[in-house]
Amino acid sequence: MARVSICIPTYNGSQYLEACLDSVLTQTYEDIEILIIDDRSTDNTIDIVKHYAALDQRIRLIENEHNLGLVNNWLKCIEHATGLWIKFLFQDDLMTANCISRLVASGEENDCPIVFCQRELIVEAHSNSDVLEFLRGLPSWESAFANLTLLTPEKVCATAIDYPALNILGEPTSVLLRRDCFDRFGSFNPSLKQRCDYEYWIRVGSHTGIALVAEKLASFRLHSDSTTSKNHANKQYITELGDYLLLLHEYAYADAFSALRLLACKQTPAIDFIGKLEQYADWVCKDLHAKERAGLLNSQEILSEITTSLSAYPRLTKLIRTKNRLLPITLWINRHLLWRFQ
C-alpha cells in the first residue's frame, strides 16, 4: 500500500494528459500510487493512460460504466484510493518534482491533515477573459497569509469571514489531504457546482487548521475547455446564485460550521448568517424579476432550476419559494406607499 494516492479524475483530457502524467512520474517522493478514474472519455484519453501504465506499475486505471460528473468522480477517487494521504491532480494541471515531498513533510511536521501550496497559473490562448480577470483579482497569498506556515482553526474561520466565498487557498491541485479528513468531516458536496472545493477547505480547516507551504509547487491551467471556464460560460448565473445560497445555508445551519458561527457572533458588528441568507435570497428573487422585466431571462425557469438543484435542502428551497411568492406583494406595497407619500 502506497503512502500517497495521486488521484487524477479524467474526462476527454488527451490534450494535456501526457504533460500531467510526466509531472507525476518525475516526483522525488516515490511511495505513491497513481489512480486514474476515467468518466467515459470519447477521445484517446484511455489509450494515453494505458501507454503510461505499461511503463509504470504504480498507475491504476478504473473506467466508469457510466458518466458520473465532476464531483462524483472525485468521490469515486476517494473511495478507491488506498494511501494515507490523497493528492488530487486534474488532467490539465502540473506538479513540480518536489511537490509531494514538500507537502507531506509539512503535513507531518505540523500534524495537520490538510496542506496547501501556492500555485502558478498557466493561461492558454482563448481562455475565458472574465475568469482570468477574476482569478488574477483574488487577494494574493502574501496579503492574506503573510509568512504563516500554519493557519489555526480560528484563522481559517476568519479567512472565510474576511473573504466570503473567495477561494484564496487554492484549487484541489494545490492541496494534500490526509485520508482521515473524509472519515471525520465527510466528503465534497456535489450540490455545489463551483465552490465544492472551497466549502470543503473551510469545513475541514475550521476544525483542524491548515498547513501552508509558501512555494509554487503546482500549476493550474486555464483554457477554454477547463471546468472553471465552462462553469462561467455555461449557466454561470445559475451556478453563482445556487452556490452562494447553499454556502450561506451551510454557514447558518450546518453543525460543521459551528466554530465559524461562533467567531461571526464575536465580530463588530456581529454577523448573522441566517439574516444574510434571507437577505441574499430576497435579493436573488428581486434581481431575477428585474432581469425578466428587462426581457433578459425567465425568472421562474431559473428559480425552478435552482430549487431543483438544491432539493436536498428543504429549508433553503422553502425560503427561496417563499421570497419569490411574496415578492409581487412586496413590490405592490412599496409602490403603493411611494405613491401615497409623493
Protein backbone atom coordinates (compact mmCIF):
# COMPACT_ATOMS: atom_id res chain seq x y z
CA MET A 1 0.00 0.00 0.00
CA ALA A 2 1.47 3.36 -1.07
CA ARG A 3 1.66 6.22 1.40
CA VAL A 4 0.27 8.80 -1.07
CA SER A 5 -2.52 8.29 -3.61
CA ILE A 6 -2.31 10.73 -6.51
CA CYS A 7 -5.88 10.85 -7.86
CA ILE A 8 -6.44 12.01 -11.42
CA PRO A 9 -10.12 12.11 -12.46
CA THR A 10 -10.21 12.25 -16.25
CA TYR A 11 -12.72 13.08 -18.95
CA ASN A 12 -11.65 13.80 -22.54
CA GLY A 13 -8.30 15.04 -21.25
CA SER A 14 -5.97 13.90 -24.02
CA GLN A 15 -4.74 17.39 -24.92
CA TYR A 16 -2.81 17.92 -21.68
CA LEU A 17 -2.79 14.48 -20.03
CA GLU A 18 0.70 13.43 -21.10
CA ALA A 19 2.26 16.55 -19.57
CA CYS A 20 0.23 15.94 -16.41
CA LEU A 21 1.42 12.33 -16.10
CA ASP A 22 5.01 13.30 -16.85
CA SER A 23 4.90 15.69 -13.89
CA VAL A 24 3.66 12.84 -11.69
CA LEU A 25 6.30 10.35 -12.77
CA THR A 26 9.13 12.81 -12.02
CA GLN A 27 8.16 13.12 -8.34
CA THR A 28 11.09 12.75 -5.95
CA TYR A 29 8.66 11.17 -3.47
CA GLU A 30 8.32 7.63 -4.79
CA ASP A 31 5.93 5.95 -2.33
CA ILE A 32 2.88 6.75 -4.43
CA GLU A 33 0.05 5.10 -6.30
CA ILE A 34 -1.37 6.88 -9.33
CA LEU A 35 -5.11 6.31 -9.51
CA ILE A 36 -6.82 7.42 -12.72
CA ILE A 37 -10.60 7.17 -12.91
CA ASP A 38 -12.00 7.94 -16.33
CA ASP A 39 -15.54 9.26 -16.67
CA ARG A 40 -16.40 7.75 -20.08
CA SER A 41 -13.98 9.72 -22.27
CA THR A 42 -14.67 9.69 -26.01
CA ASP A 43 -11.20 10.87 -27.10
CA ASN A 44 -7.94 8.90 -26.75
CA THR A 45 -7.53 9.53 -23.01
CA ILE A 46 -7.72 5.79 -22.24
CA ASP A 47 -5.04 4.96 -24.83
CA ILE A 48 -2.69 7.50 -23.25
CA VAL A 49 -3.28 6.12 -19.76
CA LYS A 50 -2.74 2.53 -20.87
CA HIS A 51 0.52 3.51 -22.57
CA TYR A 52 1.81 5.10 -19.35
CA ALA A 53 0.51 2.21 -17.22
CA ALA A 54 2.62 -0.17 -19.28
CA LEU A 55 5.67 1.92 -18.34
CA ASP A 56 4.95 2.30 -14.61
CA GLN A 57 3.17 -0.31 -12.49
CA ARG A 58 2.13 2.33 -9.93
CA ILE A 59 -0.56 3.53 -12.36
CA ARG A 60 -4.03 2.05 -11.82
CA LEU A 61 -6.87 2.78 -14.25
CA ILE A 62 -10.57 2.50 -13.49
CA GLU A 63 -13.12 3.15 -16.25
CA ASN A 64 -16.58 4.22 -15.12
CA GLU A 65 -19.51 2.26 -16.52
CA HIS A 66 -21.46 5.50 -16.95
CA ASN A 67 -20.66 9.20 -16.65
CA LEU A 68 -20.67 10.36 -13.02
CA GLY A 69 -19.92 14.04 -13.49
CA LEU A 70 -17.09 16.06 -11.99
CA VAL A 71 -17.64 15.94 -8.23
CA ASN A 72 -18.99 12.39 -8.14
CA ASN A 73 -15.87 11.26 -9.98
CA TRP A 74 -13.79 12.97 -7.27
CA LEU A 75 -15.78 10.98 -4.69
CA LYS A 76 -15.06 7.74 -6.53
CA CYS A 77 -11.35 8.60 -6.49
CA ILE A 78 -11.52 8.90 -2.69
CA GLU A 79 -13.39 5.60 -2.45
CA HIS A 80 -10.74 3.68 -4.38
CA ALA A 81 -7.59 5.44 -3.14
CA THR A 82 -5.56 3.37 -0.66
CA GLY A 83 -2.96 5.88 0.56
CA LEU A 84 -2.71 7.60 3.93
CA TRP A 85 -2.57 10.90 2.01
CA ILE A 86 -4.63 11.86 -1.02
CA LYS A 87 -3.37 14.29 -3.66
CA PHE A 88 -5.77 15.40 -6.38
CA LEU A 89 -4.34 16.42 -9.72
CA PHE A 90 -6.53 17.44 -12.62
CA GLN A 91 -5.78 16.14 -16.10
CA ASP A 92 -4.67 19.55 -17.38
CA ASP A 93 -2.59 20.60 -14.34
CA LEU A 94 1.02 20.01 -13.30
CA MET A 95 3.20 19.49 -10.23
CA THR A 96 6.85 20.32 -9.65
CA ALA A 97 9.10 17.34 -8.98
CA ASN A 98 9.27 18.05 -5.22
CA CYS A 99 5.56 18.83 -4.77
CA ILE A 100 4.53 15.65 -2.95
CA SER A 101 7.64 15.51 -0.76
CA ARG A 102 7.23 19.13 0.39
CA LEU A 103 3.51 18.79 1.11
CA VAL A 104 3.87 15.50 3.00
CA ALA A 105 6.74 16.94 5.06
CA SER A 106 4.65 19.97 6.01
CA GLY A 107 1.63 17.87 6.92
CA GLU A 108 3.68 15.56 9.11
CA GLU A 109 5.74 18.31 10.75
CA ASN A 110 2.61 20.26 11.68
CA ASP A 111 0.48 17.15 12.37
CA CYS A 112 -2.10 18.78 10.11
CA PRO A 113 -4.39 16.77 7.78
CA ILE A 114 -4.76 19.45 5.10
CA VAL A 115 -1.83 21.19 3.41
CA PHE A 116 -1.76 23.85 0.70
CA CYS A 117 1.00 25.13 -1.55
CA GLN A 118 0.98 28.15 -3.82
CA ARG A 119 0.34 27.58 -7.50
CA GLU A 120 1.24 29.04 -10.87
CA LEU A 121 -1.48 29.99 -13.33
CA ILE A 122 -0.94 28.69 -16.87
CA VAL A 123 -3.05 30.72 -19.29
CA GLU A 124 -3.72 29.12 -22.66
CA ALA A 125 -4.84 31.01 -25.75
CA HIS A 126 -8.59 31.64 -25.95
CA SER A 127 -9.03 31.31 -22.17
CA ASN A 128 -12.14 32.94 -20.74
CA SER A 129 -11.09 36.55 -20.12
CA ASP A 130 -13.67 37.06 -17.37
CA VAL A 131 -12.41 34.04 -15.44
CA LEU A 132 -8.80 35.14 -15.91
CA GLU A 133 -9.60 38.63 -14.63
CA PHE A 134 -11.39 37.11 -11.63
CA LEU A 135 -8.52 34.76 -10.74
CA ARG A 136 -5.91 37.47 -11.09
CA GLY A 137 -8.04 39.79 -9.00
CA LEU A 138 -8.13 37.46 -5.99
CA PRO A 139 -6.21 38.65 -2.92
CA SER A 140 -2.67 37.36 -3.05
CA TRP A 141 -1.40 34.58 -0.80
CA GLU A 142 1.09 37.06 0.71
CA SER A 143 -1.55 39.67 1.52
CA ALA A 144 -3.84 37.10 3.14
CA PHE A 145 -1.36 34.88 4.99
CA ALA A 146 1.95 36.81 5.10
CA ASN A 147 4.65 34.42 6.36
CA LEU A 148 2.35 31.96 8.12
CA THR A 149 3.11 28.26 7.78
CA LEU A 150 0.05 27.15 9.76
CA LEU A 151 -3.44 28.62 9.89
CA THR A 152 -5.14 27.89 13.20
CA PRO A 153 -8.81 26.84 13.07
CA GLU A 154 -9.77 30.36 14.19
CA LYS A 155 -7.66 31.88 11.42
CA VAL A 156 -9.39 29.64 8.87
CA CYS A 157 -12.77 30.87 10.15
CA ALA A 158 -11.53 34.47 10.00
CA THR A 159 -10.40 33.91 6.40
CA ALA A 160 -13.90 32.68 5.47
CA ILE A 161 -15.39 35.79 7.07
CA ASP A 162 -12.87 38.25 5.59
CA TYR A 163 -13.02 36.75 2.08
CA PRO A 164 -16.59 35.41 1.75
CA ALA A 165 -16.85 32.74 -0.94
CA LEU A 166 -13.42 33.65 -2.38
CA ASN A 167 -11.19 30.61 -2.70
CA ILE A 168 -7.87 32.28 -1.92
CA LEU A 169 -6.44 28.99 -0.61
CA GLY A 170 -6.39 27.26 -3.98
CA GLU A 171 -7.81 24.60 -6.24
CA PRO A 172 -7.61 20.84 -5.49
CA THR A 173 -4.34 20.64 -7.41
CA SER A 174 -2.79 22.78 -4.65
CA VAL A 175 -3.85 20.61 -1.71
CA LEU A 176 -2.81 17.41 0.06
CA LEU A 177 -5.43 15.74 2.28
CA ARG A 178 -4.97 13.06 4.88
CA ARG A 179 -7.47 10.25 4.38
CA ASP A 180 -8.99 10.65 7.85
CA CYS A 181 -10.39 14.05 6.78
CA PHE A 182 -13.08 12.19 4.85
CA ASP A 183 -13.87 9.93 7.80
CA ARG A 184 -14.18 12.87 10.20
CA PHE A 185 -15.79 15.57 8.07
CA GLY A 186 -17.45 13.80 5.16
CA SER A 187 -16.58 14.50 1.54
CA PHE A 188 -17.12 17.11 -1.15
CA ASN A 189 -20.69 18.33 -1.51
CA PRO A 190 -21.92 17.53 -5.06
CA SER A 191 -24.75 20.06 -4.71
CA LEU A 192 -22.13 22.81 -5.03
CA LYS A 193 -21.18 23.27 -8.66
CA GLN A 194 -18.24 25.69 -8.44
CA ARG A 195 -17.47 26.11 -4.74
CA CYS A 196 -17.43 22.47 -3.63
CA ASP A 197 -13.68 22.56 -3.01
CA TYR A 198 -13.74 25.91 -1.19
CA GLU A 199 -16.57 24.78 1.10
CA TYR A 200 -14.62 21.64 1.97
CA TRP A 201 -11.41 23.53 2.79
CA ILE A 202 -13.31 25.72 5.26
CA ARG A 203 -15.31 22.80 6.65
CA VAL A 204 -12.16 20.82 7.47
CA GLY A 205 -9.80 23.67 8.26
CA SER A 206 -12.17 25.33 10.73
CA HIS A 207 -11.62 22.24 12.92
CA THR A 208 -8.06 21.17 12.14
CA GLY A 209 -6.24 24.22 10.88
CA ILE A 210 -4.41 24.30 7.54
CA ALA A 211 -0.68 23.93 6.91
CA LEU A 212 0.83 26.21 4.27
CA VAL A 213 3.87 25.77 2.03
CA ALA A 214 4.72 29.15 0.53
CA GLU A 215 6.22 27.68 -2.64
CA LYS A 216 4.71 27.37 -6.10
CA LEU A 217 4.64 23.59 -6.34
CA ALA A 218 1.62 23.17 -8.64
CA SER A 219 0.32 24.73 -11.85
CA PHE A 220 -3.36 25.33 -12.59
CA ARG A 221 -4.13 25.52 -16.29
CA LEU A 222 -6.84 27.85 -17.56
CA HIS A 223 -8.17 27.20 -21.04
CA SER A 224 -11.47 27.38 -22.88
CA ASP A 225 -12.34 23.72 -22.10
CA SER A 226 -11.44 23.82 -18.41
CA THR A 227 -14.17 23.20 -15.85
CA THR A 228 -13.69 26.68 -14.37
CA SER A 229 -14.20 28.27 -17.79
CA LYS A 230 -17.18 26.07 -18.62
CA ASN A 231 -18.87 26.85 -15.32
CA HIS A 232 -18.60 30.53 -16.18
CA ALA A 233 -19.60 30.16 -19.80
CA ASN A 234 -22.48 27.73 -19.23
CA LYS A 235 -25.19 28.88 -16.87
CA GLN A 236 -22.77 30.99 -14.86
CA TYR A 237 -25.58 32.99 -13.35
CA ILE A 238 -27.43 29.95 -12.01
CA THR A 239 -24.23 28.39 -10.69
CA GLU A 240 -23.22 31.54 -8.83
CA LEU A 241 -26.66 32.09 -7.31
CA GLY A 242 -27.19 28.48 -6.26
CA ASP A 243 -23.71 28.00 -4.84
CA TYR A 244 -23.76 31.15 -2.72
CA LEU A 245 -27.26 30.38 -1.40
CA LEU A 246 -26.13 26.91 -0.35
CA LEU A 247 -22.88 28.18 1.14
CA LEU A 248 -24.75 30.70 3.31
CA HIS A 249 -27.22 27.98 4.27
CA GLU A 250 -24.40 25.73 5.45
CA TYR A 251 -22.71 28.56 7.35
CA ALA A 252 -26.03 29.33 9.02
CA TYR A 253 -27.21 25.84 9.95
CA ALA A 254 -24.67 23.02 9.43
CA ASP A 255 -23.06 21.58 12.57
CA ALA A 256 -19.71 21.50 10.76
CA PHE A 257 -19.62 25.31 10.73
CA SER A 258 -20.42 25.94 14.41
CA ALA A 259 -16.94 27.40 15.02
CA LEU A 260 -17.43 29.80 12.11
CA ARG A 261 -20.77 30.97 13.52
CA LEU A 262 -19.23 31.46 16.95
CA LEU A 263 -16.48 33.69 15.56
CA ALA A 264 -19.01 35.57 13.41
CA CYS A 265 -21.03 36.40 16.53
CA LYS A 266 -17.91 37.96 18.09
CA GLN A 267 -17.38 40.36 15.19
CA THR A 268 -18.23 44.06 15.49
CA PRO A 269 -20.91 44.27 14.31
CA ALA A 270 -21.88 40.63 14.78
CA ILE A 271 -22.50 38.60 11.62
CA ASP A 272 -25.80 36.74 11.47
CA PHE A 273 -25.61 34.11 8.74
CA ILE A 274 -29.34 33.35 8.95
CA GLY A 275 -30.08 37.01 8.32
CA LYS A 276 -27.52 37.17 5.50
CA LEU A 277 -29.10 34.10 3.90
CA GLU A 278 -32.58 35.63 3.99
CA GLN A 279 -31.27 38.93 2.61
CA TYR A 280 -29.47 37.18 -0.23
CA ALA A 281 -32.48 35.02 -1.09
CA ASP A 282 -34.57 38.20 -1.21
CA TRP A 283 -32.01 39.88 -3.48
CA VAL A 284 -31.88 36.83 -5.79
CA CYS A 285 -35.64 36.92 -6.35
CA LYS A 286 -35.68 40.68 -6.91
CA ASP A 287 -32.75 40.53 -9.31
CA LEU A 288 -34.30 37.71 -11.32
CA HIS A 289 -37.63 39.53 -11.58
CA ALA A 290 -35.84 42.73 -12.65
CA LYS A 291 -33.95 40.86 -15.37
CA GLU A 292 -37.20 39.25 -16.54
CA ARG A 293 -38.89 42.66 -16.81
CA ALA A 294 -35.92 43.76 -18.91
CA GLY A 295 -36.51 40.79 -21.21
CA LEU A 296 -33.21 39.11 -20.29
CA LEU A 297 -34.43 35.81 -18.84
CA ASN A 298 -37.30 33.74 -17.47
CA SER A 299 -37.13 34.16 -13.68
CA GLN A 300 -39.45 31.26 -12.85
CA GLU A 301 -37.48 28.89 -15.03
CA ILE A 302 -34.20 29.82 -13.34
CA LEU A 303 -35.67 29.68 -9.84
CA SER A 304 -37.10 26.26 -10.65
CA GLU A 305 -33.68 25.06 -11.79
CA ILE A 306 -32.02 26.44 -8.65
CA THR A 307 -34.54 24.86 -6.27
CA THR A 308 -34.33 21.55 -8.14
CA SER A 309 -30.54 21.50 -7.76
CA LEU A 310 -30.94 22.29 -4.05
CA SER A 311 -33.78 19.82 -3.40
CA ALA A 312 -31.74 18.09 -0.68
CA TYR A 313 -32.11 21.25 1.42
CA PRO A 314 -35.85 21.73 2.09
CA ARG A 315 -35.34 24.67 4.47
CA LEU A 316 -33.44 26.53 1.75
CA THR A 317 -35.82 25.73 -1.10
CA LYS A 318 -38.79 26.74 1.06
CA LEU A 319 -37.09 30.09 1.79
CA ILE A 320 -36.50 30.74 -1.93
CA ARG A 321 -40.08 29.83 -2.88
CA THR A 322 -41.49 31.98 -0.06
CA LYS A 323 -39.40 35.00 -1.09
CA ASN A 324 -40.45 34.51 -4.71
CA ARG A 325 -44.12 34.18 -3.81
CA LEU A 326 -44.15 37.26 -1.57
CA LEU A 327 -42.12 39.47 -3.91
CA PRO A 328 -45.05 40.72 -6.10
CA ILE A 329 -46.94 41.63 -2.92
CA THR A 330 -43.91 43.43 -1.50
CA LEU A 331 -43.35 45.34 -4.74
CA TRP A 332 -47.02 46.37 -4.84
CA ILE A 333 -46.89 47.59 -1.22
CA ASN A 334 -43.69 49.56 -1.86
CA ARG A 335 -45.15 51.21 -4.99
CA HIS A 336 -48.40 51.97 -3.13
CA LEU A 337 -46.57 53.57 -0.21
CA LEU A 338 -44.37 55.57 -2.58
CA TRP A 339 -47.46 56.86 -4.41
CA ARG A 340 -49.16 57.87 -1.14
CA PHE A 341 -46.22 59.91 0.09
CA GLN A 342 -45.47 61.69 -3.15
